[in-house]
PDB file of N, CA and C in Angstrom:
ATOM      1  N   MET A   1      64.003  61.190  89.038  1.00  0.00           N
ATOM      2  CA  MET A   1      64.360  61.988  89.998  1.00  0.00           C
ATOM      3  C   MET A   1      65.794  62.765  89.936  1.00  0.00           C
ATOM      4  N   THR A   2      65.743  63.844  89.988  1.00  0.00           N
ATOM      5  CA  THR A   2      66.813  64.966  90.417  1.00  0.00           C
ATOM      6  C   THR A   2      67.908  64.348  90.443  1.00  0.00           C
ATOM      7  N   GLN A   3      68.946  65.186  90.052  1.00  0.00           N
ATOM      8  CA  GLN A   3      70.099  65.192  90.540  1.00  0.00           C
ATOM      9  C   GLN A   3      70.146  65.981  92.085  1.00  0.00           C
ATOM     10  N   ALA A   4      69.717  66.772  92.499  1.00  0.00           N
ATOM     11  CA  ALA A   4      69.416  67.505  94.042  1.00  0.00           C
ATOM     12  C   ALA A   4      68.526  66.590  94.569  1.00  0.00           C
ATOM     13  N   LYS A   5      67.850  66.072  94.418  1.00  0.00           N
ATOM     14  CA  LYS A   5      67.181  65.529  95.202  1.00  0.00           C
ATOM     15  C   LYS A   5      67.878  64.092  95.809  1.00  0.00           C
ATOM     16  N   TYR A   6      68.708  63.424  94.533  1.00  0.00           N
ATOM     17  CA  TYR A   6      68.937  61.873  94.725  1.00  0.00           C
ATOM     18  C   TYR A   6      70.340  62.389  96.230  1.00  0.00           C
ATOM     19  N   ILE A   7      70.760  63.715  95.859  1.00  0.00           N
ATOM     20  CA  ILE A   7      72.787  63.689  96.702  1.00  0.00           C
ATOM     21  C   ILE A   7      71.831  64.057  97.594  1.00  0.00           C
ATOM     22  N   CYS A   8      70.967  64.527  98.418  1.00  0.00           N
ATOM     23  CA  CYS A   8      70.329  65.440  99.123  1.00  0.00           C
ATOM     24  C   CYS A   8      69.683  63.667  99.988  1.00  0.00           C
ATOM     25  N   GLU A   9      68.945  62.899  99.108  1.00  0.00           N
ATOM     26  CA  GLU A   9      68.253  61.630 100.274  1.00  0.00           C
ATOM     27  C   GLU A   9      69.935  60.807 100.018  1.00  0.00           C
ATOM     28  N   GLN A  10      71.459  61.081  99.601  1.00  0.00           N
ATOM     29  CA  GLN A  10      72.211  60.172 100.256  1.00  0.00           C
ATOM     30  C   GLN A  10      72.850  60.830 100.666  1.00  0.00           C
ATOM     31  N   ASP A  11      72.313  62.121 101.439  1.00  0.00           N
ATOM     32  CA  ASP A  11      73.595  63.219 102.787  1.00  0.00           C
ATOM     33  C   ASP A  11      72.631  63.152 104.013  1.00  0.00           C
ATOM     34  N   ILE A  12      72.532  62.926 105.061  1.00  0.00           N
ATOM     35  CA  ILE A  12      72.265  62.543 105.954  1.00  0.00           C
ATOM     36  C   ILE A  12      71.245  63.876 107.095  1.00  0.00           C
ATOM     37  N   LEU A  13      72.625  64.629 106.514  1.00  0.00           N
ATOM     38  CA  LEU A  13      72.549  66.266 106.606  1.00  0.00           C
ATOM     39  C   LEU A  13      71.650  66.909 105.844  1.00  0.00           C
ATOM     40  N   CYS A  14      71.855  66.472 104.488  1.00  0.00           N
ATOM     41  CA  CYS A  14      71.187  67.807 103.950  1.00  0.00           C
ATOM     42  C   CYS A  14      68.953  67.419 103.844  1.00  0.00           C
ATOM     43  N   GLY A  15      69.137  68.452 104.894  1.00  0.00           N
ATOM     44  CA  GLY A  15      67.738  69.081 104.200  1.00  0.00           C
ATOM     45  C   GLY A  15      66.916  68.912 105.672  1.00  0.00           C
ATOM     46  N   VAL A  16      65.466  68.337 105.970  1.00  0.00           N
ATOM     47  CA  VAL A  16      65.145  67.939 106.792  1.00  0.00           C
ATOM     48  C   VAL A  16      64.137  66.246 106.792  1.00  0.00           C
ATOM     49  N   ARG A  17      64.502  65.719 107.353  1.00  0.00           N
ATOM     50  CA  ARG A  17      64.148  64.025 107.531  1.00  0.00           C
ATOM     51  C   ARG A  17      62.967  63.530 107.610  1.00  0.00           C
ATOM     52  N   THR A  18      62.070  62.981 107.242  1.00  0.00           N
ATOM     53  CA  THR A  18      60.934  62.185 107.770  1.00  0.00           C
ATOM     54  C   THR A  18      60.996  61.064 107.472  1.00  0.00           C
ATOM     55  N   ALA A  19      59.633  60.564 108.193  1.00  0.00           N
ATOM     56  CA  ALA A  19      59.633  59.068 108.082  1.00  0.00           C
ATOM     57  C   ALA A  19      59.134  59.055 106.798  1.00  0.00           C
ATOM     58  N   ARG A  20      59.335  57.666 106.904  1.00  0.00           N
ATOM     59  CA  ARG A  20      59.416  57.705 104.691  1.00  0.00           C
ATOM     60  C   ARG A  20      57.897  56.268 104.949  1.00  0.00           C
ATOM     61  N   ASP A  21      57.521  55.815 105.716  1.00  0.00           N
ATOM     62  CA  ASP A  21      56.615  55.142 106.078  1.00  0.00           C
ATOM     63  C   ASP A  21      56.604  55.039 107.981  1.00  0.00           C
ATOM     64  N   LEU A  22      55.362  55.763 108.134  1.00  0.00           N
ATOM     65  CA  LEU A  22      54.790  55.878 110.290  1.00  0.00           C
ATOM     66  C   LEU A  22      54.969  54.343 109.959  1.00  0.00           C
ATOM     67  N   ASN A  23      54.000  53.275 109.591  1.00  0.00           N
ATOM     68  CA  ASN A  23      54.021  51.994 110.044  1.00  0.00           C
ATOM     69  C   ASN A  23      54.935  51.055 110.396  1.00  0.00           C
ATOM     70  N   THR A  24      56.431  51.257 109.113  1.00  0.00           N
ATOM     71  CA  THR A  24      57.612  50.517 109.419  1.00  0.00           C
ATOM     72  C   THR A  24      58.676  51.743 109.193  1.00  0.00           C
ATOM     73  N   LEU A  25      59.199  51.803 110.694  1.00  0.00           N
ATOM     74  CA  LEU A  25      60.223  53.357 110.606  1.00  0.00           C
ATOM     75  C   LEU A  25      61.384  52.271 111.010  1.00  0.00           C
ATOM     76  N   SER A  26      62.433  52.796 110.520  1.00  0.00           N
ATOM     77  CA  SER A  26      63.481  52.360 110.560  1.00  0.00           C
ATOM     78  C   SER A  26      64.241  52.350 111.853  1.00  0.00           C
ATOM     79  N   GLU A  27      64.937  51.541 112.254  1.00  0.00           N
ATOM     80  CA  GLU A  27      66.043  51.489 113.495  1.00  0.00           C
ATOM     81  C   GLU A  27      65.859  53.117 113.841  1.00  0.00           C
ATOM     82  N   LEU A  28      66.881  53.698 112.633  1.00  0.00           N
ATOM     83  CA  LEU A  28      67.500  55.662 112.472  1.00  0.00           C
ATOM     84  C   LEU A  28      65.925  56.787 112.632  1.00  0.00           C
ATOM     85  N   GLU A  29      65.501  56.310 112.692  1.00  0.00           N
ATOM     86  CA  GLU A  29      63.994  56.907 112.195  1.00  0.00           C
ATOM     87  C   GLU A  29      63.276  56.949 113.453  1.00  0.00           C
ATOM     88  N   GLN A  30      63.123  55.457 114.349  1.00  0.00           N
ATOM     89  CA  GLN A  30      62.735  55.075 115.904  1.00  0.00           C
ATOM     90  C   GLN A  30      63.525  56.307 116.843  1.00  0.00           C
ATOM     91  N   LYS A  31      65.301  56.243 116.203  1.00  0.00           N
ATOM     92  CA  LYS A  31      65.618  56.807 117.532  1.00  0.00           C
ATOM     93  C   LYS A  31      65.679  58.470 117.739  1.00  0.00           C
ATOM     94  N   HIS A  32      65.120  58.555 116.006  1.00  0.00           N
ATOM     95  CA  HIS A  32      65.967  60.617 115.763  1.00  0.00           C
ATOM     96  C   HIS A  32      64.054  61.170 115.471  1.00  0.00           C
ATOM     97  N   LEU A  33      62.766  60.086 115.229  1.00  0.00           N
ATOM     98  CA  LEU A  33      61.937  60.907 115.637  1.00  0.00           C
ATOM     99  C   LEU A  33      61.351  61.855 116.141  1.00  0.00           C
ATOM    100  N   PRO A  34      60.800  63.085 116.300  1.00  0.00           N
ATOM    101  CA  PRO A  34      60.529  63.700 117.341  1.00  0.00           C
ATOM    102  C   PRO A  34      59.180  63.223 117.508  1.00  0.00           C
ATOM    103  N   VAL A  35      58.538  63.386 118.971  1.00  0.00           N
ATOM    104  CA  VAL A  35      57.379  62.580 119.451  1.00  0.00           C
ATOM    105  C   VAL A  35      56.452  64.273 119.779  1.00  0.00           C
ATOM    106  N   ILE A  36      55.010  63.982 119.524  1.00  0.00           N
ATOM    107  CA  ILE A  36      54.851  65.304 119.915  1.00  0.00           C
ATOM    108  C   ILE A  36      52.860  64.883 120.697  1.00  0.00           C
ATOM    109  N   SER A  37      53.281  64.941 122.124  1.00  0.00           N
ATOM    110  CA  SER A  37      51.778  64.744 122.696  1.00  0.00           C
ATOM    111  C   SER A  37      51.070  65.949 122.887  1.00  0.00           C
ATOM    112  N   ALA A  38      50.128  65.887 122.939  1.00  0.00           N
ATOM    113  CA  ALA A  38      48.572  66.846 122.496  1.00  0.00           C
ATOM    114  C   ALA A  38      47.353  66.468 122.724  1.00  0.00           C
ATOM    115  N   PRO A  39      46.616  67.216 123.370  1.00  0.00           N
ATOM    116  CA  PRO A  39      45.533  66.550 122.820  1.00  0.00           C
ATOM    117  C   PRO A  39      44.922  67.479 121.213  1.00  0.00           C
ATOM    118  N   GLU A  40      44.006  66.059 120.927  1.00  0.00           N
ATOM    119  CA  GLU A  40      43.638  66.181 119.351  1.00  0.00           C
ATOM    120  C   GLU A  40      42.764  67.963 119.230  1.00  0.00           C
ATOM    121  N   LYS A  41      42.387  68.295 119.988  1.00  0.00           N
ATOM    122  CA  LYS A  41      41.304  69.384 120.186  1.00  0.00           C
ATOM    123  C   LYS A  41      41.810  70.619 121.191  1.00  0.00           C
ATOM    124  N   VAL A  42      41.631  71.756 121.134  1.00  0.00           N
ATOM    125  CA  VAL A  42      42.070  72.732 122.015  1.00  0.00           C
ATOM    126  C   VAL A  42      41.189  73.664 121.969  1.00  0.00           C
ATOM    127  N   LYS A  43      40.665  74.214 122.987  1.00  0.00           N
ATOM    128  CA  LYS A  43      39.795  75.493 122.366  1.00  0.00           C
ATOM    129  C   LYS A  43      40.739  76.451 122.333  1.00  0.00           C
ATOM    130  N   ARG A  44      40.487  77.559 121.819  1.00  0.00           N
ATOM    131  CA  ARG A  44      41.319  78.814 121.168  1.00  0.00           C
ATOM    132  C   ARG A  44      41.746  79.512 122.304  1.00  0.00           C
ATOM    133  N   ASP A  45      42.743  80.500 122.151  1.00  0.00           N
ATOM    134  CA  ASP A  45      42.952  81.229 123.723  1.00  0.00           C
ATOM    135  C   ASP A  45      42.805  80.092 124.651  1.00  0.00           C
ATOM    136  N   GLU A  46      42.862  78.778 125.003  1.00  0.00           N
ATOM    137  CA  GLU A  46      43.136  78.006 125.939  1.00  0.00           C
ATOM    138  C   GLU A  46      44.349  77.701 126.068  1.00  0.00           C
ATOM    139  N   VAL A  47      44.943  78.034 127.675  1.00  0.00           N
ATOM    140  CA  VAL A  47      46.518  76.834 127.789  1.00  0.00           C
ATOM    141  C   VAL A  47      46.050  75.460 127.944  1.00  0.00           C
ATOM    142  N   PHE A  48      47.349  74.741 126.512  1.00  0.00           N
ATOM    143  CA  PHE A  48      47.495  73.015 127.019  1.00  0.00           C
ATOM    144  C   PHE A  48      48.891  72.641 126.796  1.00  0.00           C
ATOM    145  N   GLU A  49      48.956  71.680 127.375  1.00  0.00           N
ATOM    146  CA  GLU A  49      50.702  71.235 127.479  1.00  0.00           C
ATOM    147  C   GLU A  49      50.660  70.493 126.110  1.00  0.00           C
ATOM    148  N   VAL A  50      51.976  71.087 125.891  1.00  0.00           N
ATOM    149  CA  VAL A  50      52.559  70.150 124.401  1.00  0.00           C
ATOM    150  C   VAL A  50      53.772  69.763 125.379  1.00  0.00           C
ATOM    151  N   THR A  51      54.287  68.026 124.904  1.00  0.00           N
ATOM    152  CA  THR A  51      54.841  67.475 125.411  1.00  0.00           C
ATOM    153  C   THR A  51      56.240  67.036 124.064  1.00  0.00           C
ATOM    154  N   VAL A  52      57.362  67.074 123.851  1.00  0.00           N
ATOM    155  CA  VAL A  52      57.954  67.175 122.111  1.00  0.00           C
ATOM    156  C   VAL A  52      58.776  65.656 122.840  1.00  0.00           C
ATOM    157  N   GLU A  53      58.951  64.717 122.429  1.00  0.00           N
ATOM    158  CA  GLU A  53      60.749  64.058 123.071  1.00  0.00           C
ATOM    159  C   GLU A  53      61.060  63.569 122.031  1.00  0.00           C
ATOM    160  N   THR A  54      62.241  63.212 121.670  1.00  0.00           N
ATOM    161  CA  THR A  54      63.136  61.971 121.009  1.00  0.00           C
ATOM    162  C   THR A  54      63.490  61.406 121.632  1.00  0.00           C
ATOM    163  N   GLY A  55      63.628  59.950 121.209  1.00  0.00           N
ATOM    164  CA  GLY A  55      63.922  58.989 121.717  1.00  0.00           C
ATOM    165  C   GLY A  55      63.202  58.711 122.836  1.00  0.00           C
ATOM    166  N   LYS A  56      62.071  58.331 122.181  1.00  0.00           N
ATOM    167  CA  LYS A  56      60.694  57.921 123.060  1.00  0.00           C
ATOM    168  C   LYS A  56      60.482  56.385 121.989  1.00  0.00           C
ATOM    169  N   LEU A  57      60.417  56.242 121.381  1.00  0.00           N
ATOM    170  CA  LEU A  57      60.303  54.975 120.082  1.00  0.00           C
ATOM    171  C   LEU A  57      60.913  54.476 120.729  1.00  0.00           C
ATOM    172  N   ARG A  58      62.646  54.858 120.343  1.00  0.00           N
ATOM    173  CA  ARG A  58      63.319  53.800 120.649  1.00  0.00           C
ATOM    174  C   ARG A  58      64.802  55.096 121.594  1.00  0.00           C
ATOM    175  N   VAL A  59      65.317  54.152 122.008  1.00  0.00           N
ATOM    176  CA  VAL A  59      66.508  55.620 123.281  1.00  0.00           C
ATOM    177  C   VAL A  59      67.047  55.626 122.211  1.00  0.00           C
ATOM    178  N   HIS A  60      67.498  57.636 121.802  1.00  0.00           N
ATOM    179  CA  HIS A  60      68.539  57.994 121.208  1.00  0.00           C
ATOM    180  C   HIS A  60      69.520  58.468 121.947  1.00  0.00           C
ATOM    181  N   PRO A  61      70.733  57.678 121.902  1.00  0.00           N
ATOM    182  CA  PRO A  61      71.899  57.949 122.843  1.00  0.00           C
ATOM    183  C   PRO A  61      72.253  59.475 123.071  1.00  0.00           C
ATOM    184  N   ASN A  62      72.491  59.992 123.600  1.00  0.00           N
ATOM    185  CA  ASN A  62      72.301  61.336 124.452  1.00  0.00           C
ATOM    186  C   ASN A  62      74.138  61.193 125.133  1.00  0.00           C
ATOM    187  N   GLU A  63      75.285  61.339 124.134  1.00  0.00           N
ATOM    188  CA  GLU A  63      76.300  61.273 124.832  1.00  0.00           C
ATOM    189  C   GLU A  63      77.096  62.375 124.785  1.00  0.00           C
ATOM    190  N   PRO A  64      78.131  63.218 124.836  1.00  0.00           N
ATOM    191  CA  PRO A  64      78.963  64.268 124.860  1.00  0.00           C
ATOM    192  C   PRO A  64      78.939  64.284 122.544  1.00  0.00           C
ATOM    193  N   GLY A  65      79.402  62.767 122.211  1.00  0.00           N
ATOM    194  CA  GLY A  65      79.755  62.829 121.055  1.00  0.00           C
ATOM    195  C   GLY A  65      78.618  62.397 119.834  1.00  0.00           C
ATOM    196  N   HIS A  66      76.492  61.946 120.860  1.00  0.00           N
ATOM    197  CA  HIS A  66      76.825  62.033 119.663  1.00  0.00           C
ATOM    198  C   HIS A  66      74.847  62.344 120.911  1.00  0.00           C
ATOM    199  N   PHE A  67      74.156  63.424 120.788  1.00  0.00           N
ATOM    200  CA  PHE A  67      73.278  63.547 121.304  1.00  0.00           C
ATOM    201  C   PHE A  67      72.310  64.935 120.397  1.00  0.00           C
ATOM    202  N   ILE A  68      71.226  65.056 120.958  1.00  0.00           N
ATOM    203  CA  ILE A  68      70.175  65.618 120.173  1.00  0.00           C
ATOM    204  C   ILE A  68      70.496  67.169 120.897  1.00  0.00           C
ATOM    205  N   GLU A  69      70.811  68.560 120.072  1.00  0.00           N
ATOM    206  CA  GLU A  69      71.136  70.098 120.100  1.00  0.00           C
ATOM    207  C   GLU A  69      69.743  70.489 120.548  1.00  0.00           C
ATOM    208  N   TRP A  70      68.894  70.605 119.957  1.00  0.00           N
ATOM    209  CA  TRP A  70      67.827  71.247 120.377  1.00  0.00           C
ATOM    210  C   TRP A  70      66.559  70.289 119.742  1.00  0.00           C
ATOM    211  N   ILE A  71      64.935  70.964 120.011  1.00  0.00           N
ATOM    212  CA  ILE A  71      63.800  70.676 119.874  1.00  0.00           C
ATOM    213  C   ILE A  71      63.321  71.626 120.129  1.00  0.00           C
ATOM    214  N   GLU A  72      62.705  72.424 118.295  1.00  0.00           N
ATOM    215  CA  GLU A  72      61.904  73.194 118.772  1.00  0.00           C
ATOM    216  C   GLU A  72      60.271  72.746 117.854  1.00  0.00           C
ATOM    217  N   LEU A  73      58.911  74.028 118.476  1.00  0.00           N
ATOM    218  CA  LEU A  73      58.028  73.488 118.112  1.00  0.00           C
ATOM    219  C   LEU A  73      57.097  74.097 117.696  1.00  0.00           C
ATOM    220  N   TYR A  74      56.176  74.058 116.208  1.00  0.00           N
ATOM    221  CA  TYR A  74      55.527  75.062 115.500  1.00  0.00           C
ATOM    222  C   TYR A  74      54.250  74.955 115.345  1.00  0.00           C
ATOM    223  N   SER A  75      53.371  76.000 115.538  1.00  0.00           N
ATOM    224  CA  SER A  75      52.123  75.643 114.464  1.00  0.00           C
ATOM    225  C   SER A  75      52.098  75.907 113.331  1.00  0.00           C
ATOM    226  N   GLY A  76      52.226  75.279 112.037  1.00  0.00           N
ATOM    227  CA  GLY A  76      52.048  74.985 111.051  1.00  0.00           C
ATOM    228  C   GLY A  76      53.871  76.063 111.231  1.00  0.00           C
ATOM    229  N   ASP A  77      53.825  76.913 110.352  1.00  0.00           N
ATOM    230  CA  ASP A  77      54.927  77.746 110.002  1.00  0.00           C
ATOM    231  C   ASP A  77      55.671  78.902 111.291  1.00  0.00           C
ATOM    232  N   THR A  78      54.040  79.090 112.257  1.00  0.00           N
ATOM    233  CA  THR A  78      54.535  79.796 113.345  1.00  0.00           C
ATOM    234  C   THR A  78      55.298  79.743 114.203  1.00  0.00           C
ATOM    235  N   PHE A  79      56.573  80.346 114.701  1.00  0.00           N
ATOM    236  CA  PHE A  79      57.697  79.164 115.676  1.00  0.00           C
ATOM    237  C   PHE A  79      56.987  79.712 117.403  1.00  0.00           C
ATOM    238  N   LEU A  80      56.770  78.412 118.210  1.00  0.00           N
ATOM    239  CA  LEU A  80      56.538  78.471 119.378  1.00  0.00           C
ATOM    240  C   LEU A  80      57.341  78.754 120.413  1.00  0.00           C
ATOM    241  N   PHE A  81      58.829  77.889 120.358  1.00  0.00           N
ATOM    242  CA  PHE A  81      59.291  77.430 121.264  1.00  0.00           C
ATOM    243  C   PHE A  81      60.736  77.087 121.091  1.00  0.00           C
ATOM    244  N   ARG A  82      61.213  77.012 121.457  1.00  0.00           N
ATOM    245  CA  ARG A  82      63.019  75.864 120.839  1.00  0.00           C
ATOM    246  C   ARG A  82      63.928  75.956 122.505  1.00  0.00           C
ATOM    247  N   ALA A  83      63.601  74.581 123.020  1.00  0.00           N
ATOM    248  CA  ALA A  83      64.646  73.910 123.581  1.00  0.00           C
ATOM    249  C   ALA A  83      66.168  73.469 123.728  1.00  0.00           C
ATOM    250  N   ASN A  84      66.946  74.461 123.616  1.00  0.00           N
ATOM    251  CA  ASN A  84      68.766  73.614 123.487  1.00  0.00           C
ATOM    252  C   ASN A  84      68.861  72.801 124.804  1.00  0.00           C
ATOM    253  N   LEU A  85      69.334  72.158 124.454  1.00  0.00           N
ATOM    254  CA  LEU A  85      69.975  70.560 125.242  1.00  0.00           C
ATOM    255  C   LEU A  85      71.272  70.598 125.125  1.00  0.00           C
ATOM    256  N   SER A  86      71.839  69.136 125.720  1.00  0.00           N
ATOM    257  CA  SER A  86      73.266  68.915 125.910  1.00  0.00           C
ATOM    258  C   SER A  86      72.961  67.385 126.075  1.00  0.00           C
ATOM    259  N   GLY A  87      74.100  67.291 126.116  1.00  0.00           N
ATOM    260  CA  GLY A  87      74.314  65.412 125.446  1.00  0.00           C
ATOM    261  C   GLY A  87      74.333  64.954 127.265  1.00  0.00           C
ATOM    262  N   SER A  88      73.972  65.229 128.140  1.00  0.00           N
ATOM    263  CA  SER A  88      74.437  65.126 129.507  1.00  0.00           C
ATOM    264  C   SER A  88      72.598  64.754 129.869  1.00  0.00           C
ATOM    265  N   LEU A  89      71.255  64.937 129.315  1.00  0.00           N
ATOM    266  CA  LEU A  89      69.809  64.449 129.277  1.00  0.00           C
ATOM    267  C   LEU A  89      70.336  62.881 128.947  1.00  0.00           C
ATOM    268  N   SER A  90      69.227  62.090 130.126  1.00  0.00           N
ATOM    269  CA  SER A  90      69.131  60.992 129.571  1.00  0.00           C
ATOM    270  C   SER A  90      68.046  60.706 128.373  1.00  0.00           C
ATOM    271  N   LEU A  91      66.782  61.015 128.137  1.00  0.00           N
ATOM    272  CA  LEU A  91      65.891  61.528 127.288  1.00  0.00           C
ATOM    273  C   LEU A  91      65.614  63.024 126.836  1.00  0.00           C
ATOM    274  N   PRO A  92      65.852  63.409 125.556  1.00  0.00           N
ATOM    275  CA  PRO A  92      65.495  64.734 125.457  1.00  0.00           C
ATOM    276  C   PRO A  92      63.783  64.988 125.178  1.00  0.00           C
ATOM    277  N   LYS A  93      63.827  65.258 126.372  1.00  0.00           N
ATOM    278  CA  LYS A  93      62.380  65.487 126.433  1.00  0.00           C
ATOM    279  C   LYS A  93      61.757  67.127 126.942  1.00  0.00           C
ATOM    280  N   VAL A  94      60.417  67.597 126.499  1.00  0.00           N
ATOM    281  CA  VAL A  94      60.422  69.391 126.703  1.00  0.00           C
ATOM    282  C   VAL A  94      58.889  69.334 126.395  1.00  0.00           C
ATOM    283  N   SER A  95      58.263  69.757 128.062  1.00  0.00           N
ATOM    284  CA  SER A  95      57.345  70.214 128.148  1.00  0.00           C
ATOM    285  C   SER A  95      56.812  71.912 128.219  1.00  0.00           C
ATOM    286  N   ILE A  96      56.163  72.036 127.647  1.00  0.00           N
ATOM    287  CA  ILE A  96      55.438  73.690 127.467  1.00  0.00           C
ATOM    288  C   ILE A  96      53.851  73.679 127.527  1.00  0.00           C
ATOM    289  N   PRO A  97      53.664  74.840 128.326  1.00  0.00           N
ATOM    290  CA  PRO A  97      52.293  75.453 128.074  1.00  0.00           C
ATOM    291  C   PRO A  97      52.234  76.207 126.675  1.00  0.00           C
ATOM    292  N   VAL A  98      50.882  75.903 126.481  1.00  0.00           N
ATOM    293  CA  VAL A  98      51.130  76.316 124.838  1.00  0.00           C
ATOM    294  C   VAL A  98      49.156  77.135 124.596  1.00  0.00           C
ATOM    295  N   LYS A  99      49.278  78.365 123.853  1.00  0.00           N
ATOM    296  CA  LYS A  99      47.599  78.719 123.708  1.00  0.00           C
ATOM    297  C   LYS A  99      47.543  78.823 122.153  1.00  0.00           C
ATOM    298  N   LEU A 100      46.743  79.263 121.306  1.00  0.00           N
ATOM    299  CA  LEU A 100      46.395  78.936 120.381  1.00  0.00           C
ATOM    300  C   LEU A 100      45.249  79.762 120.070  1.00  0.00           C
ATOM    301  N   SER A 101      45.716  81.093 119.722  1.00  0.00           N
ATOM    302  CA  SER A 101      44.863  82.365 119.025  1.00  0.00           C
ATOM    303  C   SER A 101      43.924  82.076 117.959  1.00  0.00           C
ATOM    304  N   HIS A 102      44.949  81.168 116.870  1.00  0.00           N
ATOM    305  CA  HIS A 102      44.182  80.892 115.944  1.00  0.00           C
ATOM    306  C   HIS A 102      44.885  79.341 114.907  1.00  0.00           C
ATOM    307  N   ALA A 103      44.646  78.939 114.485  1.00  0.00           N
ATOM    308  CA  ALA A 103      44.650  77.828 113.454  1.00  0.00           C
ATOM    309  C   ALA A 103      46.323  78.356 112.453  1.00  0.00           C
ATOM    310  N   HIS A 104      46.870  77.780 112.623  1.00  0.00           N
ATOM    311  CA  HIS A 104      48.152  77.990 111.575  1.00  0.00           C
ATOM    312  C   HIS A 104      48.348  77.097 110.907  1.00  0.00           C
ATOM    313  N   GLY A 105      47.817  75.368 111.441  1.00  0.00           N
ATOM    314  CA  GLY A 105      48.066  74.186 110.358  1.00  0.00           C
ATOM    315  C   GLY A 105      48.634  73.250 111.812  1.00  0.00           C
ATOM    316  N   PRO A 106      49.025  72.058 111.537  1.00  0.00           N
ATOM    317  CA  PRO A 106      49.457  70.948 112.232  1.00  0.00           C
ATOM    318  C   PRO A 106      50.667  71.702 113.261  1.00  0.00           C
ATOM    319  N   LEU A 107      50.296  71.050 114.749  1.00  0.00           N
ATOM    320  CA  LEU A 107      51.632  71.067 115.244  1.00  0.00           C
ATOM    321  C   LEU A 107      52.828  70.739 114.455  1.00  0.00           C
ATOM    322  N   LYS A 108      54.390  71.181 114.144  1.00  0.00           N
ATOM    323  CA  LYS A 108      55.451  70.765 114.189  1.00  0.00           C
ATOM    324  C   LYS A 108      56.133  70.565 114.525  1.00  0.00           C
ATOM    325  N   ALA A 109      57.020  69.776 114.782  1.00  0.00           N
ATOM    326  CA  ALA A 109      58.533  69.344 116.065  1.00  0.00           C
ATOM    327  C   ALA A 109      59.387  69.248 115.416  1.00  0.00           C
ATOM    328  N   TRP A 110      60.871  69.788 115.299  1.00  0.00           N
ATOM    329  CA  TRP A 110      62.121  69.868 114.752  1.00  0.00           C
ATOM    330  C   TRP A 110      62.779  69.538 116.130  1.00  0.00           C
ATOM    331  N   ALA A 111      63.623  68.609 115.507  1.00  0.00           N
ATOM    332  CA  ALA A 111      64.546  67.880 116.376  1.00  0.00           C
ATOM    333  C   ALA A 111      66.276  67.533 115.699  1.00  0.00           C
ATOM    334  N   LYS A 112      67.368  68.450 116.416  1.00  0.00           N
ATOM    335  CA  LYS A 112      68.123  68.227 115.638  1.00  0.00           C
ATOM    336  C   LYS A 112      69.119  67.652 116.681  1.00  0.00           C
ATOM    337  N   CYS A 113      69.604  66.097 115.791  1.00  0.00           N
ATOM    338  CA  CYS A 113      70.613  65.959 115.938  1.00  0.00           C
ATOM    339  C   CYS A 113      72.192  66.048 115.903  1.00  0.00           C
ATOM    340  N   ASN A 114      73.336  66.330 116.502  1.00  0.00           N
ATOM    341  CA  ASN A 114      74.933  66.517 115.936  1.00  0.00           C
ATOM    342  C   ASN A 114      74.991  66.024 115.358  1.00  0.00           C
ATOM    343  N   LEU A 115      75.028  64.234 114.959  1.00  0.00           N
ATOM    344  CA  LEU A 115      75.327  63.784 113.837  1.00  0.00           C
ATOM    345  C   LEU A 115      74.608  62.924 112.524  1.00  0.00           C
ATOM    346  N   HIS A 116      73.050  63.558 112.997  1.00  0.00           N
ATOM    347  CA  HIS A 116      72.453  63.060 112.134  1.00  0.00           C
ATOM    348  C   HIS A 116      71.073  63.534 111.513  1.00  0.00           C
ATOM    349  N   GLY A 117      71.965  65.114 111.233  1.00  0.00           N
ATOM    350  CA  GLY A 117      70.302  66.356 111.387  1.00  0.00           C
ATOM    351  C   GLY A 117      69.169  66.724 111.497  1.00  0.00           C
ATOM    352  N   LEU A 118      68.426  67.114 110.929  1.00  0.00           N
ATOM    353  CA  LEU A 118      67.306  67.889 111.071  1.00  0.00           C
ATOM    354  C   LEU A 118      65.871  66.773 111.164  1.00  0.00           C
ATOM    355  N   TRP A 119      65.787  66.423 112.163  1.00  0.00           N
ATOM    356  CA  TRP A 119      64.131  65.463 111.991  1.00  0.00           C
ATOM    357  C   TRP A 119      63.069  66.476 112.682  1.00  0.00           C
ATOM    358  N   GLU A 120      61.966  66.148 111.564  1.00  0.00           N
ATOM    359  CA  GLU A 120      60.341  66.438 112.016  1.00  0.00           C
ATOM    360  C   GLU A 120      59.139  65.349 111.938  1.00  0.00           C
ATOM    361  N   VAL A 121      58.452  66.079 112.254  1.00  0.00           N
ATOM    362  CA  VAL A 121      57.007  65.754 112.795  1.00  0.00           C
ATOM    363  C   VAL A 121      55.940  66.387 112.575  1.00  0.00           C
ATOM    364  N   THR A 122      54.594  65.686 112.618  1.00  0.00           N
ATOM    365  CA  THR A 122      53.219  67.158 112.940  1.00  0.00           C
ATOM    366  C   THR A 122      52.428  65.908 113.616  1.00  0.00           C
ATOM    367  N   LYS A 123      51.403  66.699 113.919  1.00  0.00           N
ATOM    368  CA  LYS A 123      50.564  65.962 114.512  1.00  0.00           C
ATOM    369  C   LYS A 123      49.227  67.247 114.193  1.00  0.00           C
ATOM    370  N   ASP A 124      48.416  66.930 114.118  1.00  0.00           N
ATOM    371  CA  ASP A 124      46.884  67.118 113.220  1.00  0.00           C
ATOM    372  C   ASP A 124      46.486  68.218 115.181  1.00  0.00           C
ATOM    373  N   ILE A 125      46.140  69.469 114.920  1.00  0.00           N
ATOM    374  CA  ILE A 125      45.345  69.405 116.025  1.00  0.00           C
ATOM    375  C   ILE A 125      43.838  70.330 116.132  1.00  0.00           C
ATOM    376  N   GLU A 126      42.773  70.902 116.561  1.00  0.00           N
ATOM    377  CA  GLU A 126      42.210  71.425 115.450  1.00  0.00           C
ATOM    378  C   GLU A 126      41.505  72.140 116.677  1.00  0.00           C
ATOM    379  N   VAL A 127      41.773  73.475 116.758  1.00  0.00           N
ATOM    380  CA  VAL A 127      41.194  74.959 117.445  1.00  0.00           C
ATOM    381  C   VAL A 127      39.524  75.024 117.497  1.00  0.00           C
ATOM    382  N   GLU A 128      38.863  74.849 118.270  1.00  0.00           N
ATOM    383  CA  GLU A 128      37.618  75.199 118.583  1.00  0.00           C
ATOM    384  C   GLU A 128      37.286  76.861 118.854  1.00  0.00           C
ATOM    385  N   ASP A 129      36.280  76.938 119.174  1.00  0.00           N
ATOM    386  CA  ASP A 129      36.198  77.854 119.313  1.00  0.00           C
ATOM    387  C   ASP A 129      35.010  78.234 120.543  1.00  0.00           C
TER     388      ASP A 129
END
């Protein structure tokens, strides 16, 4: 393991955090991993709804000192939207209509916790003609 990788694994605010094993999530991962709800297949240029929520697997505290700052959604590396949140929300959850003109890769959601950094999850989605 390189020194830089070791340091980043020890610092929760370093880099983008992902689940080590989706079948055995730690309590920290359950609280912070965003969950993407969207169809498995969509038609090209047809609008569908995507919901991204953090704290679905285990409630994330949302109070002035500890909260999800924002949630972003991408198709591959193409930016789709960002929702800025505040500590007053009981569950950080956003829904938005999305239309994909071409496949960029999986849907990717990022959620930023003010104390525990940036968390990422992906969901494969097929774009049909």
